[in-house]
Amino acid sequence: MASFTAEQEWYYLNDDAENLGPFTVSELAGFYKSSVVKDTTFVWHEDIKDGAWASANEVDGLIAHFKSLDTKGGETKEETKESSGIKTPIKPGSHGRRASVAQVKMGNDKEAAKKISTERRASMFGKNVKAPPAMAEDNLTKLKLLSQKKYIDQCQWFLNAYWDAKEINFKSNPEECERVWKFYQSIITLDKKLGADGNELDEFEAHIFLEKNVSAITVKKMRKVLADIDVDFNQKVSMTEFLIYYYKIDYNYLVNAVTNDAESERLINLAKQKLAAAQEALQDAQNAAKEASAAAAAAAAAAISAKAEAKKAAEAEVEAKFRADDAKKAADALAKAQKAAEDALAELEAQQKAFDDRCAMLKATSEDDSLGQVKRNKAKHELSQMKAKDPLPLDRAKINQGATVRKLKKAKKKADKTAAEAAAAAAAASEARAAAEEAAALAEKTARESEEAAAAAEAAVLAADKAVEEASGALETVKEQCKGNSVQGTMWWMDREWEEAKKYMSSAQIARLEKRRAAKK
């Protein structure tokens, strides 16, 4: 296996066949991890075999070295600084699907690679540094470069190449244009890692793709078919290789059929950017408007519910206060009754004491020898009369009144407890009412804010409408400017993307925009 050192300066060709570098081998490994550099990407360094550009998988041990660095966590400071320093939000692409984390990382690393390349080449200006050789012009090399382009670029190249050709003739067979479109939608769905930013499928993904788009196929037959499809023998299937297999065409014609018209390409790319921006703005605005509308409706419903709860709480507070007042009145009435019963019992006990005291005094008088016989006899006689009286009524009255006092005391204790609980319930009801009113006020505020947000979202939809109108106008202008050039397949594709974008528009928007498009034709 070849050895790779930190001193080696590597270059690679990106999807647009731009020569980028120099990079260290560990930086190149970082780009390989994010799929900026792929197995089929052409790479070069000064000591490479034969001194010519070669696919990464054709350089002995290079891919294995990339993977070993990934396993060890090998990453240079430059890579960390540049490739992770660009923050890119995850947004839906022109294909309508959300970009994955891998796609965002890939986009970041592409930007970082160009930036590093520009800075390092500027610092090398005037120095005696060996530059990479020109790329070979043989057709297989061109096919490899074509297969490195994104799926969408491969499809458009294919449509352009056979737009007016004897084979296929997409111009006269719109159903075949639609077939290529469906192949594209299928392949970006199956490419789980990179989606629309990918360029080829591995063996497992390719098997599923063939079954979905050609026919059910056994593993044995699939491997034979894949061997037939894989023109550049890298054990992966690009969109170009599949289309070559499906339409049974000669790739030697395909790779040379599309001429590079720089002005047309510039205009087309500009129109594509405007259309993609319009689709994204419209989709984002409509999603935001939908969410804002739902939030406003939910907030309004919550406000109504909160008001109803506040009303219930206020009614519960009034009822709790009434119960507390009634309980207090009942406790007060029992307190009065208890006091009266205790006073009555005290009176009976006072009478008993007076009787007992009188009897004691008379007995003492009757037994006092210092007094005269007459006075003592009189005291005995009165004592005898008092003791002769029936004590039962007074005793019964005392017993009954005592029982009454005890019952009233027990009832008052219970009434006091009920009154205290009712007062606590009334206080809690007051707090609940205050909290419910506060919640209702907050809900009303939220509802107002949600209505404002919904209005702002509707305004954003109007702004997105304007962006779509501008994109529509740009598209028609480009189609007019590029008539007669070999980009009619791209024009058809842009029209098809326009049809896809209409799925996210209202009927009024579509009617208005179609009227504008018709006026330009």
Protein backbone atom coordinates (compact mmCIF):
# COMPACT_ATOMS: atom_id res chain seq x y z
CA MET A 1 0.00 0.00 0.00
CA ALA A 2 1.26 3.48 -0.85
CA SER A 3 2.34 5.78 1.96
CA PHE A 4 0.68 9.14 2.53
CA THR A 5 2.40 12.00 4.33
CA ALA A 6 1.32 15.33 5.73
CA GLU A 7 3.72 17.07 3.33
CA GLN A 8 1.92 15.86 0.20
CA GLU A 9 -0.20 18.48 -1.54
CA TRP A 10 -3.40 17.07 -3.03
CA TYR A 11 -5.80 18.50 -5.58
CA TYR A 12 -9.24 17.30 -6.70
CA LEU A 13 -11.83 18.11 -9.36
CA ASN A 14 -15.20 19.16 -7.96
CA ASP A 15 -18.62 18.50 -9.54
CA ASP A 16 -18.12 21.44 -11.91
CA ALA A 17 -14.68 20.08 -12.99
CA GLU A 18 -12.96 22.91 -11.11
CA ASN A 19 -9.41 22.15 -9.96
CA LEU A 20 -9.25 22.79 -6.17
CA GLY A 21 -6.26 22.55 -3.86
CA PRO A 22 -3.74 22.14 -2.45
CA PHE A 23 -4.99 20.16 0.56
CA THR A 24 -3.34 17.80 3.02
CA VAL A 25 -4.37 14.16 2.83
CA SER A 26 -6.22 14.46 6.16
CA GLU A 27 -8.20 17.43 4.82
CA LEU A 28 -9.03 15.37 1.75
CA ALA A 29 -10.16 12.57 4.11
CA GLY A 30 -12.46 15.07 5.87
CA PHE A 31 -13.98 16.01 2.50
CA TYR A 32 -14.38 12.31 1.72
CA LYS A 33 -16.27 11.81 4.98
CA SER A 34 -18.75 14.56 4.04
CA SER A 35 -19.00 13.19 0.45
CA VAL A 36 -17.49 16.29 -1.15
CA VAL A 37 -14.82 13.92 -2.41
CA LYS A 38 -16.16 10.55 -3.55
CA ASP A 39 -14.67 7.28 -4.74
CA THR A 40 -14.90 8.48 -8.33
CA THR A 41 -13.57 12.00 -7.71
CA PHE A 42 -10.42 12.75 -9.71
CA VAL A 43 -7.45 13.54 -7.46
CA TRP A 44 -3.79 14.39 -8.06
CA HIS A 45 -0.55 15.04 -6.22
CA GLU A 46 3.00 15.46 -7.44
CA ASP A 47 4.10 11.85 -6.84
CA ILE A 48 0.95 10.16 -8.13
CA LYS A 49 1.44 7.16 -10.41
CA ASP A 50 2.04 8.18 -14.06
CA GLY A 51 1.68 11.82 -12.98
CA ALA A 52 -1.93 11.88 -14.24
CA TRP A 53 -5.26 12.55 -12.61
CA ALA A 54 -6.94 9.40 -11.24
CA SER A 55 -10.16 8.52 -9.46
CA ALA A 56 -9.69 8.33 -5.71
CA ASN A 57 -10.53 4.62 -5.74
CA GLU A 58 -7.82 4.03 -8.38
CA VAL A 59 -5.07 5.46 -6.15
CA ASP A 60 -3.65 2.49 -4.28
CA GLY A 61 -4.66 2.57 -0.62
CA LEU A 62 -6.12 6.10 -0.66
CA ILE A 63 -9.74 5.21 0.23
CA ALA A 64 -8.54 2.82 2.95
CA HIS A 65 -6.35 5.63 4.31
CA PHE A 66 -9.33 8.00 4.33
CA LYS A 67 -11.36 5.46 6.30
CA SER A 68 -8.54 4.80 8.76
CA LEU A 69 -8.27 8.53 9.49
CA ASP A 70 -12.05 8.65 10.02
CA THR A 71 -11.84 5.72 12.45
CA LYS A 72 -9.03 7.40 14.39
CA GLY A 73 -10.83 10.72 14.36
CA GLY A 74 -8.05 12.24 12.24
CA GLU A 75 -8.87 15.84 11.44
CA THR A 76 -6.64 18.84 10.87
CA LYS A 77 -7.00 22.24 12.45
CA GLU A 78 -7.66 23.70 9.03
CA GLU A 79 -10.49 21.28 8.41
CA THR A 80 -12.03 21.89 11.81
CA LYS A 81 -11.76 25.64 11.41
CA GLU A 82 -13.00 25.88 7.86
CA SER A 83 -15.42 23.01 7.33
CA SER A 84 -17.29 23.43 10.59
CA GLY A 85 -17.16 27.22 10.82
CA ILE A 86 -19.98 27.86 8.36
CA LYS A 87 -23.39 27.72 9.94
CA THR A 88 -26.07 26.74 7.46
CA PRO A 89 -29.68 26.31 8.58
CA ILE A 90 -31.48 23.16 7.45
CA LYS A 91 -34.12 24.23 4.93
CA PRO A 92 -36.19 22.51 2.27
CA GLY A 93 -34.43 22.32 -1.08
CA SER A 94 -35.98 22.86 -4.50
CA HIS A 95 -37.02 19.21 -4.49
CA GLY A 96 -39.37 19.98 -1.59
CA ARG A 97 -37.63 17.80 1.00
CA ARG A 98 -35.72 18.98 4.06
CA ALA A 99 -31.95 18.83 3.74
CA SER A 100 -30.34 16.27 6.01
CA VAL A 101 -27.49 17.02 8.41
CA ALA A 102 -25.17 15.21 5.98
CA GLN A 103 -26.31 17.47 3.11
CA VAL A 104 -25.70 20.59 5.19
CA LYS A 105 -22.22 19.32 6.17
CA MET A 106 -21.50 18.58 2.51
CA GLY A 107 -22.54 22.10 1.50
CA ASN A 108 -20.42 23.62 4.26
CA ASP A 109 -17.37 21.61 3.23
CA LYS A 110 -17.80 22.55 -0.45
CA GLU A 111 -17.70 26.23 0.49
CA ALA A 112 -14.77 25.64 2.84
CA ALA A 113 -12.80 23.78 0.14
CA LYS A 114 -13.20 26.64 -2.34
CA LYS A 115 -12.23 29.20 0.29
CA ILE A 116 -9.13 27.26 1.38
CA SER A 117 -8.13 26.67 -2.25
CA THR A 118 -8.43 30.36 -3.14
CA GLU A 119 -6.46 31.51 -0.10
CA ARG A 120 -3.66 28.99 -0.52
CA ARG A 121 -3.26 29.59 -4.24
CA ALA A 122 -3.04 33.33 -3.59
CA SER A 123 -0.26 32.70 -1.06
CA MET A 124 1.58 30.48 -3.62
CA PHE A 125 1.53 33.12 -6.36
CA GLY A 126 5.01 33.66 -7.84
CA LYS A 127 6.49 30.60 -6.14
CA ASN A 128 8.02 27.69 -8.01
CA VAL A 129 5.27 25.15 -7.32
CA LYS A 130 4.39 22.29 -9.63
CA ALA A 131 0.84 22.73 -10.87
CA PRO A 132 -1.54 19.83 -11.64
CA PRO A 133 -1.58 18.74 -15.29
CA ALA A 134 -4.51 19.32 -17.60
CA MET A 135 -7.31 16.78 -17.36
CA ALA A 136 -7.40 14.02 -19.96
CA GLU A 137 -10.05 14.44 -22.65
CA ASP A 138 -10.96 10.79 -23.31
CA ASN A 139 -14.67 9.89 -23.22
CA LEU A 140 -14.47 7.57 -20.21
CA THR A 141 -12.92 10.39 -18.18
CA LYS A 142 -15.70 12.70 -19.34
CA LEU A 143 -18.25 10.07 -18.29
CA LYS A 144 -16.68 9.85 -14.85
CA LEU A 145 -16.82 13.63 -14.50
CA LEU A 146 -20.44 13.64 -15.65
CA SER A 147 -21.29 10.92 -13.11
CA GLN A 148 -19.84 13.09 -10.33
CA LYS A 149 -22.42 15.81 -10.95
CA LYS A 150 -25.57 15.97 -8.84
CA TYR A 151 -28.49 13.79 -9.91
CA ILE A 152 -30.39 16.81 -11.23
CA ASP A 153 -27.43 17.96 -13.36
CA GLN A 154 -26.99 14.46 -14.78
CA CYS A 155 -30.69 14.32 -15.71
CA GLN A 156 -30.62 17.71 -17.38
CA TRP A 157 -27.45 16.85 -19.29
CA PHE A 158 -29.15 13.68 -20.56
CA LEU A 159 -32.28 15.56 -21.62
CA ASN A 160 -30.19 18.22 -23.39
CA ALA A 161 -28.07 15.60 -25.18
CA TYR A 162 -31.06 13.70 -26.60
CA TRP A 163 -33.55 16.55 -26.87
CA ASP A 164 -33.58 16.59 -30.67
CA ALA A 165 -31.50 13.49 -31.36
CA LYS A 166 -32.65 10.47 -33.39
CA GLU A 167 -32.48 8.26 -30.30
CA ILE A 168 -35.18 8.97 -27.68
CA ASN A 169 -35.89 12.50 -28.98
CA PHE A 170 -37.27 14.00 -25.79
CA LYS A 171 -38.61 16.97 -27.74
CA SER A 172 -41.20 14.72 -29.42
CA ASN A 173 -41.71 12.40 -26.44
CA PRO A 174 -42.78 14.38 -23.37
CA GLU A 175 -43.74 11.13 -21.64
CA GLU A 176 -40.07 10.18 -21.67
CA CYS A 177 -39.17 13.53 -20.12
CA GLU A 178 -41.65 12.73 -17.37
CA ARG A 179 -40.11 9.29 -16.97
CA VAL A 180 -36.67 10.83 -16.35
CA TRP A 181 -38.29 13.20 -13.84
CA LYS A 182 -39.77 10.22 -11.97
CA PHE A 183 -36.41 8.43 -12.03
CA TYR A 184 -34.92 11.53 -10.42
CA GLN A 185 -37.59 11.69 -7.69
CA SER A 186 -37.06 8.01 -6.96
CA ILE A 187 -33.27 8.17 -6.77
CA ILE A 188 -33.09 11.18 -4.43
CA THR A 189 -35.55 9.41 -2.13
CA LEU A 190 -33.41 6.28 -2.01
CA ASP A 191 -30.17 8.17 -1.42
CA LYS A 192 -30.66 8.36 2.34
CA LYS A 193 -27.39 10.10 3.06
CA LEU A 194 -27.25 12.94 0.53
CA GLY A 195 -30.63 12.97 -1.21
CA ALA A 196 -30.69 15.54 -4.02
CA ASP A 197 -27.05 16.43 -3.33
CA GLY A 198 -25.88 12.90 -4.16
CA ASN A 199 -24.67 11.53 -7.50
CA GLU A 200 -24.69 7.72 -7.25
CA LEU A 201 -26.18 4.81 -5.29
CA ASP A 202 -24.41 1.93 -3.61
CA GLU A 203 -25.22 -1.68 -4.50
CA PHE A 204 -28.05 -2.05 -1.96
CA GLU A 205 -29.74 1.24 -2.89
CA ALA A 206 -29.28 0.52 -6.61
CA HIS A 207 -31.00 -2.86 -6.22
CA ILE A 208 -34.06 -1.19 -4.67
CA PHE A 209 -33.98 1.53 -7.34
CA LEU A 210 -33.98 -1.06 -10.14
CA GLU A 211 -36.86 -2.99 -8.60
CA LYS A 212 -38.92 0.16 -8.22
CA ASN A 213 -38.21 1.53 -11.69
CA VAL A 214 -37.51 -1.45 -13.95
CA SER A 215 -38.78 -4.75 -12.53
CA ALA A 216 -38.37 -7.25 -9.71
CA ILE A 217 -34.94 -8.77 -9.92
CA THR A 218 -32.98 -11.50 -8.12
CA VAL A 219 -29.72 -10.72 -6.35
CA LYS A 220 -27.75 -12.78 -8.93
CA LYS A 221 -29.36 -11.04 -11.87
CA MET A 222 -29.10 -7.70 -10.12
CA ARG A 223 -25.34 -8.07 -9.80
CA LYS A 224 -25.07 -8.91 -13.48
CA VAL A 225 -27.22 -5.91 -14.38
CA LEU A 226 -25.17 -3.67 -12.08
CA ALA A 227 -22.01 -4.91 -13.75
CA ASP A 228 -23.55 -3.93 -17.11
CA ILE A 229 -24.66 -0.54 -15.81
CA ASP A 230 -21.47 0.39 -13.95
CA VAL A 231 -19.61 1.82 -16.93
CA ASP A 232 -16.75 3.27 -14.87
CA PHE A 233 -16.43 0.09 -12.73
CA ASN A 234 -16.55 1.78 -9.31
CA GLN A 235 -19.24 -0.60 -7.94
CA LYS A 236 -21.76 2.22 -7.70
CA VAL A 237 -24.51 3.39 -10.04
CA SER A 238 -24.85 7.02 -11.04
CA MET A 239 -27.97 8.46 -12.64
CA THR A 240 -26.06 8.75 -15.93
CA GLU A 241 -25.04 5.10 -15.86
CA PHE A 242 -28.61 4.03 -15.17
CA LEU A 243 -29.96 6.15 -18.04
CA ILE A 244 -27.31 4.71 -20.38
CA TYR A 245 -28.44 1.22 -19.39
CA TYR A 246 -32.17 1.98 -19.50
CA TYR A 247 -32.17 3.70 -22.91
CA LYS A 248 -29.38 1.52 -24.36
CA ILE A 249 -27.42 4.47 -25.74
CA ASP A 250 -23.74 5.06 -26.48
CA TYR A 251 -22.04 7.11 -23.79
CA ASN A 252 -19.43 8.29 -26.28
CA TYR A 253 -22.12 10.43 -27.91
CA LEU A 254 -23.66 11.45 -24.57
CA VAL A 255 -20.53 12.98 -23.03
CA ASN A 256 -19.81 15.09 -26.13
CA ALA A 257 -23.37 16.08 -27.14
CA VAL A 258 -23.76 19.07 -24.83
CA THR A 259 -21.67 22.14 -25.64
CA ASN A 260 -20.77 24.58 -22.91
CA ASP A 261 -22.45 27.92 -23.62
CA ALA A 262 -21.21 30.05 -20.73
CA GLU A 263 -23.83 32.80 -21.17
CA SER A 264 -26.72 30.34 -21.40
CA GLU A 265 -25.40 28.51 -18.35
CA ARG A 266 -25.15 31.78 -16.43
CA LEU A 267 -28.70 32.78 -17.32
CA ILE A 268 -30.06 29.34 -16.53
CA ASN A 269 -28.32 29.20 -13.16
CA LEU A 270 -29.67 32.63 -12.32
CA ALA A 271 -33.21 31.56 -13.22
CA LYS A 272 -32.78 28.34 -11.23
CA GLN A 273 -31.67 30.29 -8.17
CA LYS A 274 -34.64 32.62 -8.43
CA LEU A 275 -37.05 29.74 -8.89
CA ALA A 276 -35.55 27.80 -5.95
CA ALA A 277 -35.68 30.93 -3.78
CA ALA A 278 -39.30 31.54 -4.80
CA GLN A 279 -40.31 27.95 -4.05
CA GLU A 280 -38.55 28.01 -0.69
CA ALA A 281 -39.98 31.41 0.26
CA LEU A 282 -43.47 30.37 -0.78
CA GLN A 283 -43.31 27.03 1.02
CA ASP A 284 -41.85 28.59 4.18
CA ALA A 285 -44.40 31.40 4.13
CA GLN A 286 -47.33 29.06 3.59
CA ASN A 287 -46.14 26.72 6.32
CA ALA A 288 -45.65 29.67 8.66
CA ALA A 289 -49.07 31.08 7.76
CA LYS A 290 -50.69 27.71 8.35
CA GLU A 291 -48.96 27.31 11.71
CA ALA A 292 -49.75 30.91 12.69
CA SER A 293 -53.40 30.47 11.73
CA ALA A 294 -53.63 27.27 13.74
CA ALA A 295 -51.88 28.96 16.68
CA ALA A 296 -54.26 31.94 16.48
CA ALA A 297 -57.29 29.63 16.42
CA ALA A 298 -55.92 27.65 19.36
CA ALA A 299 -55.15 30.85 21.28
CA ALA A 300 -58.66 32.20 20.61
CA ALA A 301 -60.19 28.93 21.81
CA ALA A 302 -57.93 29.01 24.87
CA ALA A 303 -59.00 32.59 25.61
CA ILE A 304 -62.69 31.63 25.40
CA SER A 305 -62.06 28.63 27.64
CA ALA A 306 -60.07 30.75 30.11
CA LYS A 307 -62.88 33.32 30.27
CA ALA A 308 -65.40 30.57 30.93
CA GLU A 309 -63.15 29.17 33.68
CA ALA A 310 -62.79 32.65 35.18
CA LYS A 311 -66.58 33.04 35.18
CA LYS A 312 -67.00 29.65 36.86
CA ALA A 313 -64.38 30.59 39.42
CA ALA A 314 -66.16 33.87 40.18
CA GLU A 315 -69.47 32.02 40.64
CA ALA A 316 -67.77 29.44 42.84
CA GLU A 317 -66.28 32.26 44.92
CA VAL A 318 -69.71 33.83 45.50
CA GLU A 319 -71.20 30.46 46.44
CA ALA A 320 -68.28 29.70 48.79
CA LYS A 321 -68.71 33.08 50.51
CA PHE A 322 -72.43 32.42 50.97
CA ARG A 323 -71.65 29.04 52.51
CA ALA A 324 -69.02 30.63 54.77
CA ASP A 325 -71.52 33.30 55.90
CA ASP A 326 -74.21 30.68 56.61
CA ALA A 327 -71.74 28.54 58.53
CA LYS A 328 -70.63 31.53 60.61
CA LYS A 329 -74.24 32.49 61.38
CA ALA A 330 -74.99 28.92 62.45
CA ALA A 331 -71.89 28.87 64.66
CA ASP A 332 -72.85 32.24 66.18
CA ALA A 333 -76.42 31.02 66.88
CA LEU A 334 -75.11 27.91 68.57
CA ALA A 335 -72.72 30.04 70.62
CA LYS A 336 -75.68 32.10 71.87
CA ALA A 337 -77.70 28.98 72.64
CA GLN A 338 -74.75 27.46 74.47
CA LYS A 339 -74.34 30.66 76.50
CA ALA A 340 -78.04 30.68 77.44
CA ALA A 341 -77.94 27.00 78.43
CA GLU A 342 -74.81 27.56 80.50
CA ASP A 343 -76.45 30.54 82.23
CA ALA A 344 -79.52 28.44 83.00
CA LEU A 345 -77.38 25.63 84.37
CA ALA A 346 -75.46 28.14 86.45
CA GLU A 347 -78.77 29.46 87.91
CA LEU A 348 -79.86 25.93 88.84
CA GLU A 349 -76.50 25.24 90.43
CA ALA A 350 -76.78 28.55 92.32
CA GLN A 351 -80.21 27.52 93.64
CA GLN A 352 -78.79 24.16 94.73
CA LYS A 353 -75.91 25.91 96.46
CA ALA A 354 -78.29 28.30 98.21
CA PHE A 355 -80.40 25.35 99.41
CA ASP A 356 -77.33 23.47 100.60
CA ASP A 357 -75.93 26.57 102.31
CA ARG A 358 -79.28 27.18 104.11
CA CYS A 359 -79.46 23.60 105.29
CA ALA A 360 -75.90 23.78 106.59
CA MET A 361 -76.61 27.04 108.42
CA LEU A 362 -79.83 25.68 110.03
CA LYS A 363 -78.05 22.52 111.15
CA ALA A 364 -75.29 24.57 112.72
CA THR A 365 -77.83 26.78 114.49
CA SER A 366 -79.79 23.81 115.82
CA GLU A 367 -76.62 22.33 117.24
CA ASP A 368 -75.21 25.55 118.75
CA ASP A 369 -75.60 25.21 122.62
CA SER A 370 -74.81 28.85 123.07
CA LEU A 371 -78.15 29.78 121.58
CA GLY A 372 -81.47 29.66 123.28
CA GLN A 373 -83.72 26.59 123.21
CA VAL A 374 -86.37 28.37 121.18
CA LYS A 375 -83.95 29.52 118.46
CA ARG A 376 -82.40 26.07 118.18
CA ASN A 377 -85.78 24.35 117.95
CA LYS A 378 -86.94 26.82 115.32
CA ALA A 379 -83.82 26.05 113.25
CA LYS A 380 -84.45 22.30 113.61
CA HIS A 381 -88.02 22.72 112.54
CA GLU A 382 -87.09 24.74 109.41
CA LEU A 383 -84.31 22.28 108.56
CA SER A 384 -86.77 19.43 108.86
CA GLN A 385 -89.19 21.21 106.53
CA MET A 386 -86.50 21.92 103.92
CA LYS A 387 -85.29 18.33 103.95
CA ALA A 388 -88.86 17.17 103.64
CA LYS A 389 -89.14 18.94 100.27
CA ASP A 390 -88.79 16.70 97.14
CA PRO A 391 -85.29 17.35 95.63
CA LEU A 392 -86.11 15.49 92.38
CA PRO A 393 -87.33 18.46 90.22
CA LEU A 394 -84.19 20.47 90.86
CA ASP A 395 -81.91 17.47 90.36
CA ARG A 396 -83.69 16.54 87.13
CA ALA A 397 -83.53 20.13 85.90
CA LYS A 398 -79.80 20.21 86.64
CA ILE A 399 -79.24 16.90 84.87
CA ASN A 400 -81.25 17.92 81.79
CA GLN A 401 -79.69 21.34 81.58
CA GLY A 402 -76.21 19.83 81.89
CA ALA A 403 -76.96 17.47 79.02
CA THR A 404 -78.24 20.40 76.96
CA VAL A 405 -75.05 22.36 77.59
CA ARG A 406 -72.88 19.42 76.57
CA LYS A 407 -74.85 18.90 73.33
CA LEU A 408 -74.70 22.56 72.46
CA LYS A 409 -70.95 22.65 73.17
CA LYS A 410 -70.38 19.70 70.85
CA ALA A 411 -72.61 21.20 68.15
CA LYS A 412 -70.81 24.54 68.43
CA LYS A 413 -67.42 22.87 68.08
CA LYS A 414 -68.61 21.16 64.91
CA ALA A 415 -70.16 24.40 63.63
CA ASP A 416 -66.91 26.28 64.32
CA LYS A 417 -64.98 23.69 62.33
CA THR A 418 -67.49 23.90 59.46
CA ALA A 419 -67.31 27.70 59.53
CA ALA A 420 -63.48 27.60 59.47
CA GLU A 421 -63.49 25.17 56.55
CA ALA A 422 -66.07 27.28 54.69
CA ALA A 423 -63.96 30.40 55.29
CA ALA A 424 -60.86 28.59 53.98
CA ALA A 425 -62.84 27.39 50.96
CA ALA A 426 -64.04 30.93 50.32
CA ALA A 427 -60.45 32.22 50.51
CA ALA A 428 -59.29 29.46 48.12
CA ALA A 429 -62.17 30.30 45.79
CA SER A 430 -61.06 33.94 45.81
CA GLU A 431 -57.51 32.92 44.93
CA ALA A 432 -58.79 30.59 42.19
CA ARG A 433 -60.94 33.37 40.77
CA ALA A 434 -57.97 35.78 40.77
CA ALA A 435 -55.75 33.15 39.09
CA ALA A 436 -58.46 32.35 36.53
CA GLU A 437 -58.90 36.04 35.71
CA GLU A 438 -55.13 36.41 35.34
CA ALA A 439 -55.04 33.33 33.06
CA ALA A 440 -57.92 34.74 31.02
CA ALA A 441 -56.09 38.06 30.61
CA LEU A 442 -52.92 36.24 29.55
CA ALA A 443 -54.92 34.07 27.14
CA GLU A 444 -56.49 37.17 25.60
CA LYS A 445 -53.04 38.75 25.22
CA THR A 446 -51.73 35.56 23.60
CA ALA A 447 -54.73 35.50 21.28
CA ARG A 448 -54.03 39.09 20.19
CA GLU A 449 -50.36 38.31 19.62
CA SER A 450 -51.27 35.19 17.67
CA GLU A 451 -53.63 37.20 15.48
CA GLU A 452 -50.82 39.67 14.82
CA ALA A 453 -48.45 36.79 14.00
CA ALA A 454 -51.04 35.32 11.62
CA ALA A 455 -51.38 38.70 9.91
CA ALA A 456 -47.58 38.95 9.60
CA ALA A 457 -47.50 35.44 8.15
CA GLU A 458 -50.10 36.40 5.56
CA ALA A 459 -47.96 39.39 4.65
CA ALA A 460 -45.02 36.99 4.21
CA VAL A 461 -47.15 34.90 1.85
CA LEU A 462 -47.78 38.03 -0.23
CA ALA A 463 -44.03 38.69 -0.29
CA ALA A 464 -43.49 35.10 -1.39
CA ASP A 465 -46.06 35.63 -4.15
CA LYS A 466 -43.94 38.49 -5.42
CA ALA A 467 -40.83 36.28 -5.36
CA VAL A 468 -42.67 33.60 -7.33
CA GLU A 469 -43.80 36.18 -9.88
CA GLU A 470 -40.22 37.35 -10.32
CA ALA A 471 -39.02 33.76 -10.71
CA SER A 472 -41.72 33.11 -13.28
CA GLY A 473 -40.70 36.17 -15.25
CA ALA A 474 -37.01 35.19 -15.05
CA LEU A 475 -37.79 31.69 -16.26
CA GLU A 476 -39.69 32.91 -19.32
CA THR A 477 -36.97 35.45 -20.08
CA VAL A 478 -34.27 32.78 -19.97
CA LYS A 479 -36.29 30.47 -22.20
CA GLU A 480 -36.60 33.27 -24.73
CA GLN A 481 -32.90 34.14 -24.55
CA CYS A 482 -31.71 30.55 -24.83
CA LYS A 483 -33.76 29.46 -27.84
CA GLY A 484 -31.69 27.44 -30.27
CA ASN A 485 -29.08 26.47 -27.68
CA SER A 486 -28.54 22.95 -26.43
CA VAL A 487 -30.34 23.64 -23.14
CA GLN A 488 -33.92 22.79 -24.06
CA GLY A 489 -33.91 19.78 -21.75
CA THR A 490 -32.96 22.12 -18.90
CA MET A 491 -35.78 24.45 -19.95
CA TRP A 492 -38.24 21.55 -19.81
CA TRP A 493 -36.92 20.64 -16.36
CA MET A 494 -37.39 24.16 -15.08
CA ASP A 495 -40.96 24.13 -16.41
CA ARG A 496 -41.50 20.84 -14.60
CA GLU A 497 -40.18 22.31 -11.38
CA TRP A 498 -42.60 25.17 -11.93
CA GLU A 499 -45.48 22.70 -12.16
CA GLU A 500 -44.26 21.13 -8.92
CA ALA A 501 -44.12 24.54 -7.25
CA LYS A 502 -47.76 25.16 -8.18
CA LYS A 503 -48.79 22.40 -5.79
CA TYR A 504 -48.04 24.84 -2.97
CA MET A 505 -50.01 27.74 -4.50
CA SER A 506 -53.64 28.74 -4.28
CA SER A 507 -55.81 28.59 -7.40
CA ALA A 508 -55.86 32.40 -7.48
CA GLN A 509 -52.06 32.55 -7.41
CA ILE A 510 -51.78 29.99 -10.19
CA ALA A 511 -54.29 31.81 -12.39
CA ARG A 512 -52.52 35.14 -11.93
CA LEU A 513 -49.05 33.73 -12.60
CA GLU A 514 -50.13 31.68 -15.60
CA LYS A 515 -51.65 34.82 -17.10
CA ARG A 516 -48.31 36.61 -16.73
CA ARG A 517 -46.44 33.67 -18.26
CA ALA A 518 -48.84 33.52 -21.20
CA ALA A 519 -48.34 37.25 -21.83
CA LYS A 520 -44.57 36.69 -22.19
CA LYS A 521 -44.90 33.86 -24.70
